[in-house]
Amino acid sequence: MQTCPYCDGEMVQGLSIDRGHGANYIAHWFEGTPAKSLFGLLGVRVPKRGIPMAAFRCESCGLVELFAREEFKAR
């Protein structure tokens, strides 16, 4: 069990979903910084491999924390 760092409440695991082009994906963390591209859009050179993220939410205060670990990949 994960405990909230602010109120000591119970943290419950969930997902941060990335939606695009009619599909749902588990959000991933990638090293690097964003940059503006043509027309002010977000231009990022996305590495081939990111680390899947999980979101943990405190049932007491609502705090959400994101963690990036290989164990969170879809199975």
C-alpha atoms as a PDB file:
ATOM      1  CA  MET A   1       0.000   0.000   0.000  1.00  0.00           C
ATOM      2  CA  GLN A   2       1.235   3.464  -0.893  1.00  0.00           C
ATOM      3  CA  THR A   3       0.631   6.242   1.649  1.00  0.00           C
ATOM      4  CA  CYS A   4      -0.058   9.899   0.794  1.00  0.00           C
ATOM      5  CA  PRO A   5       2.931  12.135   1.636  1.00  0.00           C
ATOM      6  CA  TYR A   6       0.602  14.973   2.694  1.00  0.00           C
ATOM      7  CA  CYS A   7      -2.198  13.436   4.764  1.00  0.00           C
ATOM      8  CA  ASP A   8      -1.131   9.784   5.263  1.00  0.00           C
ATOM      9  CA  GLY A   9      -4.273   8.610   3.433  1.00  0.00           C
ATOM     10  CA  GLU A  10      -4.337   5.513   1.242  1.00  0.00           C
ATOM     11  CA  MET A  11      -3.129   5.966  -2.347  1.00  0.00           C
ATOM     12  CA  VAL A  12      -4.998   4.006  -5.034  1.00  0.00           C
ATOM     13  CA  GLN A  13      -3.314   3.095  -8.329  1.00  0.00           C
ATOM     14  CA  GLY A  14      -4.872   4.204 -11.615  1.00  0.00           C
ATOM     15  CA  LEU A  15      -3.862   5.262 -15.124  1.00  0.00           C
ATOM     16  CA  SER A  16      -2.963   8.377 -16.993  1.00  0.00           C
ATOM     17  CA  ILE A  17      -4.443   7.717 -20.426  1.00  0.00           C
ATOM     18  CA  ASP A  18      -3.150   9.345 -23.596  1.00  0.00           C
ATOM     19  CA  ARG A  19      -5.947   9.565 -26.166  1.00  0.00           C
ATOM     20  CA  GLY A  20      -5.364  10.176 -29.820  1.00  0.00           C
ATOM     21  CA  HIS A  21      -6.713   9.210 -33.232  1.00  0.00           C
ATOM     22  CA  GLY A  22      -9.542   7.163 -31.709  1.00  0.00           C
ATOM     23  CA  ALA A  23      -7.260   5.011 -29.526  1.00  0.00           C
ATOM     24  CA  ASN A  24      -6.277   4.928 -25.851  1.00  0.00           C
ATOM     25  CA  TYR A  25      -2.678   4.461 -24.714  1.00  0.00           C
ATOM     26  CA  ILE A  26      -0.937   4.362 -21.355  1.00  0.00           C
ATOM     27  CA  ALA A  27       0.934   7.648 -20.942  1.00  0.00           C
ATOM     28  CA  HIS A  28       4.734   7.382 -21.067  1.00  0.00           C
ATOM     29  CA  TRP A  29       7.553   9.539 -19.728  1.00  0.00           C
ATOM     30  CA  PHE A  30      10.291  10.606 -22.154  1.00  0.00           C
ATOM     31  CA  GLU A  31      13.526  12.382 -21.306  1.00  0.00           C
ATOM     32  CA  GLY A  32      14.023  15.765 -22.934  1.00  0.00           C
ATOM     33  CA  THR A  33      12.384  19.164 -23.269  1.00  0.00           C
ATOM     34  CA  PRO A  34       9.606  20.335 -25.609  1.00  0.00           C
ATOM     35  CA  ALA A  35      10.155  22.943 -28.303  1.00  0.00           C
ATOM     36  CA  LYS A  36       7.832  24.910 -30.551  1.00  0.00           C
ATOM     37  CA  SER A  37       7.675  23.817 -34.150  1.00  0.00           C
ATOM     38  CA  LEU A  38       5.987  25.181 -37.231  1.00  0.00           C
ATOM     39  CA  PHE A  39       2.694  26.994 -36.444  1.00  0.00           C
ATOM     40  CA  GLY A  40       3.451  26.956 -32.707  1.00  0.00           C
ATOM     41  CA  LEU A  41       2.668  23.269 -32.283  1.00  0.00           C
ATOM     42  CA  LEU A  42       4.552  21.142 -29.805  1.00  0.00           C
ATOM     43  CA  GLY A  43       7.574  19.746 -31.569  1.00  0.00           C
ATOM     44  CA  VAL A  44       9.241  16.947 -29.672  1.00  0.00           C
ATOM     45  CA  ARG A  45      11.702  14.394 -30.903  1.00  0.00           C
ATOM     46  CA  VAL A  46      10.193  11.376 -29.238  1.00  0.00           C
ATOM     47  CA  PRO A  47      12.709   8.675 -28.426  1.00  0.00           C
ATOM     48  CA  LYS A  48      11.790   5.169 -29.533  1.00  0.00           C
ATOM     49  CA  ARG A  49      11.293   4.022 -25.976  1.00  0.00           C
ATOM     50  CA  GLY A  50       9.590   5.719 -23.035  1.00  0.00           C
ATOM     51  CA  ILE A  51       8.755   4.555 -19.543  1.00  0.00           C
ATOM     52  CA  PRO A  52       5.075   3.780 -18.820  1.00  0.00           C
ATOM     53  CA  MET A  53       3.420   5.855 -16.096  1.00  0.00           C
ATOM     54  CA  ALA A  54       0.874   5.057 -13.406  1.00  0.00           C
ATOM     55  CA  ALA A  55      -1.133   7.585 -11.417  1.00  0.00           C
ATOM     56  CA  PHE A  56      -1.759   7.185  -7.700  1.00  0.00           C
ATOM     57  CA  ARG A  57      -4.613   9.160  -6.097  1.00  0.00           C
ATOM     58  CA  CYS A  58      -5.151   9.727  -2.388  1.00  0.00           C
ATOM     59  CA  GLU A  59      -8.653   8.719  -1.331  1.00  0.00           C
ATOM     60  CA  SER A  60      -8.578  11.293   1.506  1.00  0.00           C
ATOM     61  CA  CYS A  61      -7.220  14.540   0.028  1.00  0.00           C
ATOM     62  CA  GLY A  62      -7.257  13.803  -3.740  1.00  0.00           C
ATOM     63  CA  LEU A  63      -3.538  14.330  -4.345  1.00  0.00           C
ATOM     64  CA  VAL A  64      -2.398  12.669  -7.587  1.00  0.00           C
ATOM     65  CA  GLU A  65       1.199  11.585  -8.123  1.00  0.00           C
ATOM     66  CA  LEU A  66       2.652  10.107 -11.313  1.00  0.00           C
ATOM     67  CA  PHE A  67       5.347   7.452 -11.298  1.00  0.00           C
ATOM     68  CA  ALA A  68       7.276   6.138 -14.310  1.00  0.00           C
ATOM     69  CA  ARG A  69       8.361   2.498 -13.999  1.00  0.00           C
ATOM     70  CA  GLU A  70       8.678  -0.413 -16.404  1.00  0.00           C
ATOM     71  CA  GLU A  71       6.339  -2.470 -14.208  1.00  0.00           C
ATOM     72  CA  PHE A  72       3.425  -0.243 -15.274  1.00  0.00           C
ATOM     73  CA  LYS A  73       3.495  -1.365 -18.927  1.00  0.00           C
ATOM     74  CA  ALA A  74       0.294  -2.829 -20.404  1.00  0.00           C
ATOM     75  CA  ARG A  75      -0.007  -6.605 -20.092  1.00  0.00           C
END
